[in-house]
Amino acid sequence: MITVRTRRPEGTAAIGRAVATLVHPGDVVLLVGALGAGKTTFVQGLAGGLGYEGDVTSPTFTLRHTYGGRLDLVHADLWRLERRDEVLDLGLEEDLENGAVVVAEWGEGAEPIFGEDALVVHLWPGSSEEEREIGLETRGRWQERAGALAALLGEVTV
């Protein structure tokens, strides 16, 4: 696991922008962290890094948003979903087959489906309200990018 500390929300977004430089069509990013941990802030950076210039908000009630850019980014919120079938009903597998990148907040709910081939991003609170510790766990197709990801994150000012 690659671990980075951020001091401000802008640092968390910068990590998302860095990850955007390494995503490929059909990639999955699962975000794991408590309420207020910075999951949506990470997605804002990821979407911006893919060239999306609009607002990025948590899809808590709509369950998913799609943002255009270099690659389509499907942003799902799985917090209220209790069963695997509910996750499958979102159509994320079809999005992946069509070349989109899927990022899921409360990603634990999608681990049984997508977890073995995902980048799993853990967000933990730091020593102050704005600080975060971010752990990036590479699995499956992300393993071959682990070295590039570590090098890239070493260059990010957070």
N, C-alpha and C. Protein backbone atom coordinates (compact mmCIF):
# COMPACT_ATOMS: atom_id res chain seq x y z
N MET A 1 0.84 -1.18 0.00
CA MET A 1 0.00 0.00 0.00
C MET A 1 0.88 1.24 0.00
N ILE A 2 0.51 2.20 -0.82
CA ILE A 2 1.20 3.48 -0.89
C ILE A 2 0.44 4.43 0.02
N THR A 3 1.13 5.10 0.93
CA THR A 3 0.47 5.99 1.89
C THR A 3 0.98 7.41 1.72
N VAL A 4 0.03 8.35 1.71
CA VAL A 4 0.33 9.77 1.56
C VAL A 4 -0.47 10.53 2.60
N ARG A 5 0.11 11.59 3.14
CA ARG A 5 -0.63 12.47 4.06
C ARG A 5 -0.91 13.78 3.34
N THR A 6 -2.13 14.29 3.54
CA THR A 6 -2.47 15.59 2.99
C THR A 6 -2.79 16.53 4.14
N ARG A 7 -2.52 17.81 3.94
CA ARG A 7 -2.75 18.80 4.99
C ARG A 7 -4.08 19.54 4.82
N ARG A 8 -4.57 19.58 3.56
CA ARG A 8 -5.77 20.34 3.24
C ARG A 8 -6.58 19.58 2.20
N PRO A 9 -7.85 19.94 2.02
CA PRO A 9 -8.65 19.30 0.98
C PRO A 9 -8.01 19.40 -0.41
N GLU A 10 -7.33 20.51 -0.67
CA GLU A 10 -6.66 20.66 -1.98
C GLU A 10 -5.63 19.56 -2.21
N GLY A 11 -5.01 19.09 -1.15
CA GLY A 11 -4.06 17.99 -1.26
C GLY A 11 -4.75 16.69 -1.63
N THR A 12 -5.92 16.45 -1.04
CA THR A 12 -6.69 15.26 -1.37
C THR A 12 -7.11 15.29 -2.84
N ALA A 13 -7.56 16.46 -3.31
CA ALA A 13 -7.92 16.61 -4.72
C ALA A 13 -6.70 16.42 -5.61
N ALA A 14 -5.54 16.88 -5.18
CA ALA A 14 -4.31 16.70 -5.97
C ALA A 14 -3.96 15.22 -6.13
N ILE A 15 -4.23 14.43 -5.11
CA ILE A 15 -4.00 12.98 -5.23
C ILE A 15 -4.94 12.41 -6.28
N GLY A 16 -6.19 12.85 -6.28
CA GLY A 16 -7.14 12.42 -7.31
C GLY A 16 -6.69 12.81 -8.71
N ARG A 17 -6.17 14.03 -8.87
CA ARG A 17 -5.66 14.47 -10.18
C ARG A 17 -4.48 13.61 -10.62
N ALA A 18 -3.62 13.25 -9.69
CA ALA A 18 -2.47 12.41 -10.02
C ALA A 18 -2.94 11.03 -10.49
N VAL A 19 -3.90 10.46 -9.79
CA VAL A 19 -4.43 9.15 -10.19
C VAL A 19 -5.03 9.23 -11.59
N ALA A 20 -5.65 10.37 -11.92
CA ALA A 20 -6.27 10.53 -13.24
C ALA A 20 -5.27 10.35 -14.37
N THR A 21 -4.00 10.66 -14.14
CA THR A 21 -3.00 10.52 -15.20
C THR A 21 -2.70 9.05 -15.50
N LEU A 22 -3.10 8.16 -14.61
CA LEU A 22 -2.77 6.74 -14.79
C LEU A 22 -3.98 5.85 -15.10
N VAL A 23 -5.19 6.41 -15.07
CA VAL A 23 -6.36 5.56 -15.32
C VAL A 23 -6.46 5.19 -16.79
N HIS A 24 -6.98 4.00 -17.00
CA HIS A 24 -7.23 3.47 -18.34
C HIS A 24 -8.71 3.19 -18.49
N PRO A 25 -9.21 3.10 -19.72
CA PRO A 25 -10.61 2.73 -19.91
C PRO A 25 -10.91 1.41 -19.20
N GLY A 26 -12.04 1.38 -18.50
CA GLY A 26 -12.45 0.17 -17.79
C GLY A 26 -11.87 0.01 -16.40
N ASP A 27 -11.18 1.03 -15.89
CA ASP A 27 -10.61 0.95 -14.54
C ASP A 27 -11.67 1.21 -13.48
N VAL A 28 -11.41 0.64 -12.29
CA VAL A 28 -12.27 0.82 -11.13
C VAL A 28 -11.43 1.40 -10.00
N VAL A 29 -12.00 2.43 -9.34
CA VAL A 29 -11.40 3.02 -8.15
C VAL A 29 -12.45 2.95 -7.05
N LEU A 30 -12.14 2.24 -5.98
CA LEU A 30 -13.06 2.10 -4.85
C LEU A 30 -12.57 2.98 -3.70
N LEU A 31 -13.43 3.84 -3.20
CA LEU A 31 -13.08 4.75 -2.12
C LEU A 31 -13.69 4.25 -0.82
N VAL A 32 -12.84 4.14 0.20
CA VAL A 32 -13.25 3.62 1.49
C VAL A 32 -12.87 4.64 2.56
N GLY A 33 -13.84 5.06 3.34
CA GLY A 33 -13.57 6.02 4.41
C GLY A 33 -14.85 6.47 5.06
N ALA A 34 -14.74 7.00 6.24
CA ALA A 34 -15.90 7.45 7.01
C ALA A 34 -16.53 8.68 6.37
N LEU A 35 -17.71 9.02 6.83
CA LEU A 35 -18.40 10.22 6.40
C LEU A 35 -17.48 11.43 6.63
N GLY A 36 -17.31 12.25 5.61
CA GLY A 36 -16.46 13.43 5.73
C GLY A 36 -14.98 13.17 5.57
N ALA A 37 -14.60 11.97 5.12
CA ALA A 37 -13.18 11.61 5.01
C ALA A 37 -12.50 12.22 3.80
N GLY A 38 -13.26 12.74 2.84
CA GLY A 38 -12.65 13.34 1.66
C GLY A 38 -12.88 12.57 0.38
N LYS A 39 -13.84 11.64 0.38
CA LYS A 39 -14.09 10.82 -0.81
C LYS A 39 -14.51 11.68 -2.01
N THR A 40 -15.47 12.57 -1.79
CA THR A 40 -15.93 13.41 -2.90
C THR A 40 -14.83 14.37 -3.34
N THR A 41 -14.05 14.87 -2.40
CA THR A 41 -12.93 15.76 -2.75
C THR A 41 -11.94 15.03 -3.65
N PHE A 42 -11.66 13.76 -3.34
CA PHE A 42 -10.79 12.95 -4.19
C PHE A 42 -11.39 12.85 -5.59
N VAL A 43 -12.70 12.59 -5.69
CA VAL A 43 -13.36 12.46 -7.00
C VAL A 43 -13.32 13.78 -7.75
N GLN A 44 -13.44 14.90 -7.06
CA GLN A 44 -13.33 16.20 -7.72
C GLN A 44 -11.98 16.34 -8.41
N GLY A 45 -10.92 15.92 -7.73
CA GLY A 45 -9.60 15.96 -8.34
C GLY A 45 -9.47 14.99 -9.49
N LEU A 46 -10.01 13.78 -9.33
CA LEU A 46 -9.96 12.77 -10.39
C LEU A 46 -10.69 13.27 -11.64
N ALA A 47 -11.90 13.80 -11.46
CA ALA A 47 -12.67 14.31 -12.60
C ALA A 47 -11.94 15.48 -13.27
N GLY A 48 -11.40 16.39 -12.46
CA GLY A 48 -10.64 17.51 -13.02
C GLY A 48 -9.41 17.04 -13.78
N GLY A 49 -8.75 16.02 -13.25
CA GLY A 49 -7.58 15.47 -13.93
C GLY A 49 -7.91 14.80 -15.25
N LEU A 50 -9.16 14.37 -15.39
CA LEU A 50 -9.63 13.79 -16.66
C LEU A 50 -10.18 14.85 -17.61
N GLY A 51 -10.15 16.11 -17.18
CA GLY A 51 -10.57 17.20 -18.05
C GLY A 51 -11.99 17.69 -17.84
N TYR A 52 -12.69 17.18 -16.85
CA TYR A 52 -14.04 17.67 -16.58
C TYR A 52 -13.94 18.99 -15.83
N GLU A 53 -14.70 20.01 -16.28
CA GLU A 53 -14.58 21.34 -15.71
C GLU A 53 -15.78 21.79 -14.89
N GLY A 54 -16.81 20.98 -14.76
CA GLY A 54 -18.00 21.37 -14.02
C GLY A 54 -17.93 20.98 -12.56
N ASP A 55 -19.07 21.14 -11.89
CA ASP A 55 -19.17 20.78 -10.48
C ASP A 55 -19.22 19.26 -10.33
N VAL A 56 -18.59 18.78 -9.29
CA VAL A 56 -18.62 17.36 -8.94
C VAL A 56 -19.18 17.27 -7.53
N THR A 57 -20.33 16.60 -7.41
CA THR A 57 -20.97 16.44 -6.11
C THR A 57 -21.22 14.97 -5.84
N SER A 58 -21.41 14.65 -4.58
CA SER A 58 -21.67 13.26 -4.21
C SER A 58 -23.04 12.85 -4.73
N PRO A 59 -23.14 11.70 -5.38
CA PRO A 59 -24.43 11.23 -5.88
C PRO A 59 -25.21 10.44 -4.84
N THR A 60 -25.26 10.94 -3.62
CA THR A 60 -25.88 10.22 -2.52
C THR A 60 -27.32 9.82 -2.82
N PHE A 61 -28.10 10.70 -3.43
CA PHE A 61 -29.51 10.40 -3.67
C PHE A 61 -29.78 9.90 -5.08
N THR A 62 -28.97 10.31 -6.05
CA THR A 62 -29.15 9.83 -7.42
C THR A 62 -28.40 8.54 -7.66
N LEU A 63 -27.49 8.20 -6.78
CA LEU A 63 -26.64 7.00 -6.78
C LEU A 63 -25.51 7.03 -7.79
N ARG A 64 -25.63 7.80 -8.86
CA ARG A 64 -24.53 7.88 -9.83
C ARG A 64 -24.61 9.15 -10.64
N HIS A 65 -23.43 9.66 -10.99
CA HIS A 65 -23.29 10.78 -11.93
C HIS A 65 -22.27 10.36 -12.96
N THR A 66 -22.38 10.90 -14.16
CA THR A 66 -21.38 10.66 -15.20
C THR A 66 -20.79 12.00 -15.62
N TYR A 67 -19.46 12.05 -15.67
CA TYR A 67 -18.74 13.25 -16.05
C TYR A 67 -17.92 12.95 -17.28
N GLY A 68 -17.97 13.84 -18.28
CA GLY A 68 -17.18 13.66 -19.49
C GLY A 68 -15.80 14.25 -19.32
N GLY A 69 -14.89 13.79 -20.13
CA GLY A 69 -13.51 14.26 -20.12
C GLY A 69 -12.70 13.37 -21.06
N ARG A 70 -11.41 13.28 -20.81
CA ARG A 70 -10.56 12.38 -21.60
C ARG A 70 -11.17 10.98 -21.64
N LEU A 71 -11.71 10.55 -20.51
CA LEU A 71 -12.49 9.32 -20.38
C LEU A 71 -13.75 9.68 -19.62
N ASP A 72 -14.85 8.98 -19.88
CA ASP A 72 -16.03 9.17 -19.06
C ASP A 72 -15.74 8.66 -17.66
N LEU A 73 -16.20 9.39 -16.67
CA LEU A 73 -16.04 9.00 -15.27
C LEU A 73 -17.44 8.80 -14.69
N VAL A 74 -17.70 7.58 -14.25
CA VAL A 74 -18.96 7.28 -13.58
C VAL A 74 -18.68 7.28 -12.09
N HIS A 75 -19.37 8.17 -11.38
CA HIS A 75 -19.17 8.39 -9.95
C HIS A 75 -20.39 7.83 -9.23
N ALA A 76 -20.20 6.75 -8.49
CA ALA A 76 -21.31 6.09 -7.79
C ALA A 76 -21.16 6.26 -6.29
N ASP A 77 -22.28 6.31 -5.61
CA ASP A 77 -22.31 6.34 -4.15
C ASP A 77 -23.08 5.11 -3.69
N LEU A 78 -22.41 4.20 -3.02
CA LEU A 78 -23.00 2.91 -2.64
C LEU A 78 -23.44 2.88 -1.18
N TRP A 79 -23.42 4.02 -0.51
CA TRP A 79 -23.70 4.06 0.92
C TRP A 79 -25.04 3.45 1.29
N ARG A 80 -26.09 3.75 0.53
CA ARG A 80 -27.42 3.29 0.88
C ARG A 80 -27.75 1.91 0.32
N LEU A 81 -26.86 1.33 -0.45
CA LEU A 81 -27.13 0.02 -1.06
C LEU A 81 -26.72 -1.09 -0.11
N GLU A 82 -27.61 -2.02 0.09
CA GLU A 82 -27.37 -3.07 1.08
C GLU A 82 -27.07 -4.43 0.48
N ARG A 83 -27.42 -4.62 -0.79
CA ARG A 83 -27.24 -5.94 -1.39
C ARG A 83 -26.43 -5.84 -2.68
N ARG A 84 -25.75 -6.91 -2.99
CA ARG A 84 -24.96 -6.99 -4.22
C ARG A 84 -25.82 -6.70 -5.45
N ASP A 85 -27.05 -7.19 -5.46
CA ASP A 85 -27.95 -6.97 -6.61
C ASP A 85 -28.20 -5.49 -6.84
N GLU A 86 -28.28 -4.71 -5.76
CA GLU A 86 -28.50 -3.28 -5.90
C GLU A 86 -27.31 -2.60 -6.57
N VAL A 87 -26.12 -3.06 -6.25
CA VAL A 87 -24.91 -2.53 -6.90
C VAL A 87 -24.93 -2.91 -8.38
N LEU A 88 -25.25 -4.15 -8.68
CA LEU A 88 -25.30 -4.60 -10.07
C LEU A 88 -26.36 -3.83 -10.88
N ASP A 89 -27.46 -3.48 -10.24
CA ASP A 89 -28.53 -2.74 -10.92
C ASP A 89 -28.12 -1.35 -11.38
N LEU A 90 -27.03 -0.83 -10.86
CA LEU A 90 -26.55 0.49 -11.28
C LEU A 90 -25.96 0.47 -12.69
N GLY A 91 -25.67 -0.70 -13.23
CA GLY A 91 -25.13 -0.80 -14.58
C GLY A 91 -23.66 -0.46 -14.70
N LEU A 92 -22.93 -0.56 -13.60
CA LEU A 92 -21.51 -0.20 -13.63
C LEU A 92 -20.69 -1.12 -14.52
N GLU A 93 -21.06 -2.40 -14.58
CA GLU A 93 -20.33 -3.33 -15.45
C GLU A 93 -20.44 -2.90 -16.92
N GLU A 94 -21.61 -2.45 -17.32
CA GLU A 94 -21.79 -1.97 -18.70
C GLU A 94 -20.96 -0.72 -18.95
N ASP A 95 -20.92 0.17 -17.95
CA ASP A 95 -20.09 1.37 -18.09
C ASP A 95 -18.63 1.00 -18.31
N LEU A 96 -18.14 0.03 -17.55
CA LEU A 96 -16.76 -0.41 -17.69
C LEU A 96 -16.52 -1.02 -19.07
N GLU A 97 -17.47 -1.83 -19.54
CA GLU A 97 -17.34 -2.44 -20.87
C GLU A 97 -17.31 -1.38 -21.96
N ASN A 98 -17.95 -0.24 -21.72
CA ASN A 98 -17.96 0.86 -22.69
C ASN A 98 -16.77 1.80 -22.53
N GLY A 99 -15.83 1.45 -21.66
CA GLY A 99 -14.59 2.21 -21.53
C GLY A 99 -14.59 3.31 -20.50
N ALA A 100 -15.64 3.41 -19.70
CA ALA A 100 -15.66 4.43 -18.65
C ALA A 100 -14.76 3.99 -17.50
N VAL A 101 -14.39 4.95 -16.68
CA VAL A 101 -13.73 4.71 -15.40
C VAL A 101 -14.82 4.80 -14.35
N VAL A 102 -14.89 3.83 -13.46
CA VAL A 102 -15.89 3.84 -12.39
C VAL A 102 -15.19 4.12 -11.08
N VAL A 103 -15.68 5.14 -10.36
CA VAL A 103 -15.19 5.43 -9.02
C VAL A 103 -16.40 5.34 -8.09
N ALA A 104 -16.26 4.56 -7.02
CA ALA A 104 -17.38 4.32 -6.12
C ALA A 104 -17.04 4.75 -4.70
N GLU A 105 -17.82 5.71 -4.19
CA GLU A 105 -17.74 6.06 -2.77
C GLU A 105 -18.40 4.94 -1.99
N TRP A 106 -17.94 4.71 -0.76
CA TRP A 106 -18.38 3.58 0.05
C TRP A 106 -18.13 2.31 -0.76
N GLY A 107 -16.94 2.22 -1.33
CA GLY A 107 -16.56 1.16 -2.25
C GLY A 107 -16.55 -0.24 -1.66
N GLU A 108 -16.64 -0.36 -0.35
CA GLU A 108 -16.68 -1.69 0.26
C GLU A 108 -17.83 -2.51 -0.33
N GLY A 109 -18.92 -1.83 -0.69
CA GLY A 109 -20.07 -2.53 -1.25
C GLY A 109 -19.84 -3.11 -2.62
N ALA A 110 -18.82 -2.65 -3.31
CA ALA A 110 -18.51 -3.16 -4.65
C ALA A 110 -17.30 -4.09 -4.65
N GLU A 111 -16.65 -4.27 -3.51
CA GLU A 111 -15.46 -5.13 -3.47
C GLU A 111 -15.73 -6.54 -3.94
N PRO A 112 -16.85 -7.17 -3.56
CA PRO A 112 -17.08 -8.53 -4.05
C PRO A 112 -17.21 -8.61 -5.58
N ILE A 113 -17.58 -7.51 -6.20
CA ILE A 113 -17.79 -7.50 -7.65
C ILE A 113 -16.54 -7.04 -8.39
N PHE A 114 -15.94 -5.94 -7.95
CA PHE A 114 -14.84 -5.30 -8.68
C PHE A 114 -13.51 -5.29 -7.93
N GLY A 115 -13.49 -5.72 -6.67
CA GLY A 115 -12.35 -5.52 -5.80
C GLY A 115 -11.04 -6.14 -6.21
N GLU A 116 -11.07 -7.26 -6.91
CA GLU A 116 -9.78 -7.90 -7.20
C GLU A 116 -9.02 -7.23 -8.33
N ASP A 117 -9.65 -6.28 -9.02
CA ASP A 117 -9.00 -5.60 -10.13
C ASP A 117 -9.10 -4.09 -9.99
N ALA A 118 -9.08 -3.59 -8.76
CA ALA A 118 -9.34 -2.17 -8.51
C ALA A 118 -8.17 -1.48 -7.83
N LEU A 119 -8.20 -0.16 -7.90
CA LEU A 119 -7.39 0.67 -7.03
C LEU A 119 -8.30 1.00 -5.85
N VAL A 120 -7.92 0.57 -4.65
CA VAL A 120 -8.72 0.83 -3.46
C VAL A 120 -8.04 1.97 -2.70
N VAL A 121 -8.78 3.05 -2.52
CA VAL A 121 -8.26 4.25 -1.87
C VAL A 121 -8.91 4.35 -0.49
N HIS A 122 -8.09 4.23 0.54
CA HIS A 122 -8.55 4.34 1.92
C HIS A 122 -8.26 5.76 2.40
N LEU A 123 -9.26 6.41 2.98
CA LEU A 123 -9.09 7.76 3.50
C LEU A 123 -9.37 7.75 5.00
N TRP A 124 -8.36 8.17 5.77
CA TRP A 124 -8.47 8.22 7.22
C TRP A 124 -8.25 9.65 7.70
N PRO A 125 -8.89 10.02 8.82
CA PRO A 125 -8.64 11.35 9.38
C PRO A 125 -7.20 11.46 9.87
N GLY A 126 -6.68 12.67 9.78
CA GLY A 126 -5.34 12.93 10.29
C GLY A 126 -5.40 13.55 11.67
N SER A 127 -4.34 14.23 12.05
CA SER A 127 -4.26 14.80 13.40
C SER A 127 -5.02 16.12 13.53
N SER A 128 -5.40 16.72 12.41
CA SER A 128 -6.24 17.92 12.46
C SER A 128 -7.46 17.69 11.58
N GLU A 129 -8.42 18.61 11.66
CA GLU A 129 -9.68 18.43 10.92
C GLU A 129 -9.48 18.31 9.42
N GLU A 130 -8.51 19.02 8.87
CA GLU A 130 -8.30 19.01 7.42
C GLU A 130 -7.30 17.96 6.94
N GLU A 131 -6.50 17.43 7.83
CA GLU A 131 -5.49 16.44 7.44
C GLU A 131 -6.14 15.09 7.15
N ARG A 132 -5.55 14.40 6.17
CA ARG A 132 -5.99 13.05 5.83
C ARG A 132 -4.76 12.17 5.61
N GLU A 133 -4.92 10.92 5.92
CA GLU A 133 -3.96 9.91 5.51
C GLU A 133 -4.67 9.10 4.43
N ILE A 134 -4.01 8.95 3.30
CA ILE A 134 -4.61 8.27 2.16
C ILE A 134 -3.74 7.08 1.80
N GLY A 135 -4.34 5.90 1.82
CA GLY A 135 -3.64 4.68 1.44
C GLY A 135 -4.19 4.19 0.11
N LEU A 136 -3.31 3.96 -0.83
CA LEU A 136 -3.71 3.49 -2.16
C LEU A 136 -3.22 2.06 -2.33
N GLU A 137 -4.16 1.16 -2.46
CA GLU A 137 -3.90 -0.27 -2.56
C GLU A 137 -4.14 -0.72 -4.00
N THR A 138 -3.08 -1.16 -4.67
CA THR A 138 -3.20 -1.58 -6.06
C THR A 138 -3.50 -3.07 -6.13
N ARG A 139 -4.49 -3.40 -6.93
CA ARG A 139 -4.89 -4.80 -7.13
C ARG A 139 -5.05 -5.08 -8.62
N GLY A 140 -4.84 -6.33 -9.01
CA GLY A 140 -5.09 -6.75 -10.39
C GLY A 140 -4.35 -5.89 -11.39
N ARG A 141 -5.10 -5.35 -12.35
CA ARG A 141 -4.49 -4.56 -13.43
C ARG A 141 -3.80 -3.30 -12.92
N TRP A 142 -4.12 -2.86 -11.71
CA TRP A 142 -3.44 -1.70 -11.12
C TRP A 142 -2.05 -2.06 -10.61
N GLN A 143 -1.77 -3.33 -10.38
CA GLN A 143 -0.45 -3.75 -9.87
C GLN A 143 0.68 -3.29 -10.78
N GLU A 144 0.48 -3.39 -12.08
CA GLU A 144 1.54 -3.01 -13.02
C GLU A 144 1.81 -1.50 -13.02
N ARG A 145 0.91 -0.72 -12.44
CA ARG A 145 1.08 0.74 -12.36
C ARG A 145 1.50 1.20 -10.97
N ALA A 146 1.73 0.27 -10.06
CA ALA A 146 2.05 0.63 -8.67
C ALA A 146 3.32 1.48 -8.58
N GLY A 147 4.35 1.11 -9.30
CA GLY A 147 5.60 1.87 -9.27
C GLY A 147 5.42 3.27 -9.82
N ALA A 148 4.70 3.40 -10.93
CA ALA A 148 4.44 4.71 -11.51
C ALA A 148 3.59 5.56 -10.57
N LEU A 149 2.63 4.92 -9.92
CA LEU A 149 1.76 5.63 -8.97
C LEU A 149 2.57 6.14 -7.78
N ALA A 150 3.43 5.30 -7.23
CA ALA A 150 4.27 5.71 -6.09
C ALA A 150 5.18 6.87 -6.49
N ALA A 151 5.79 6.79 -7.66
CA ALA A 151 6.66 7.87 -8.11
C ALA A 151 5.89 9.16 -8.31
N LEU A 152 4.73 9.05 -8.92
CA LEU A 152 3.90 10.22 -9.17
C LEU A 152 3.44 10.88 -7.87
N LEU A 153 3.03 10.08 -6.92
CA LEU A 153 2.56 10.62 -5.64
C LEU A 153 3.69 11.25 -4.85
N GLY A 154 4.91 10.77 -5.05
CA GLY A 154 6.07 11.37 -4.41
C GLY A 154 6.34 12.78 -4.90
N GLU A 155 5.82 13.10 -6.10
CA GLU A 155 6.03 14.42 -6.69
C GLU A 155 4.91 15.40 -6.39
N VAL A 156 3.78 14.89 -5.86
CA VAL A 156 2.62 15.73 -5.61
C VAL A 156 2.83 16.51 -4.31
N THR A 157 2.58 17.81 -4.36
CA THR A 157 2.63 18.65 -3.16
C THR A 157 1.27 18.60 -2.50
N VAL A 158 1.25 18.08 -1.30
CA VAL A 158 -0.04 17.90 -0.61
C VAL A 158 -0.02 18.65 0.70
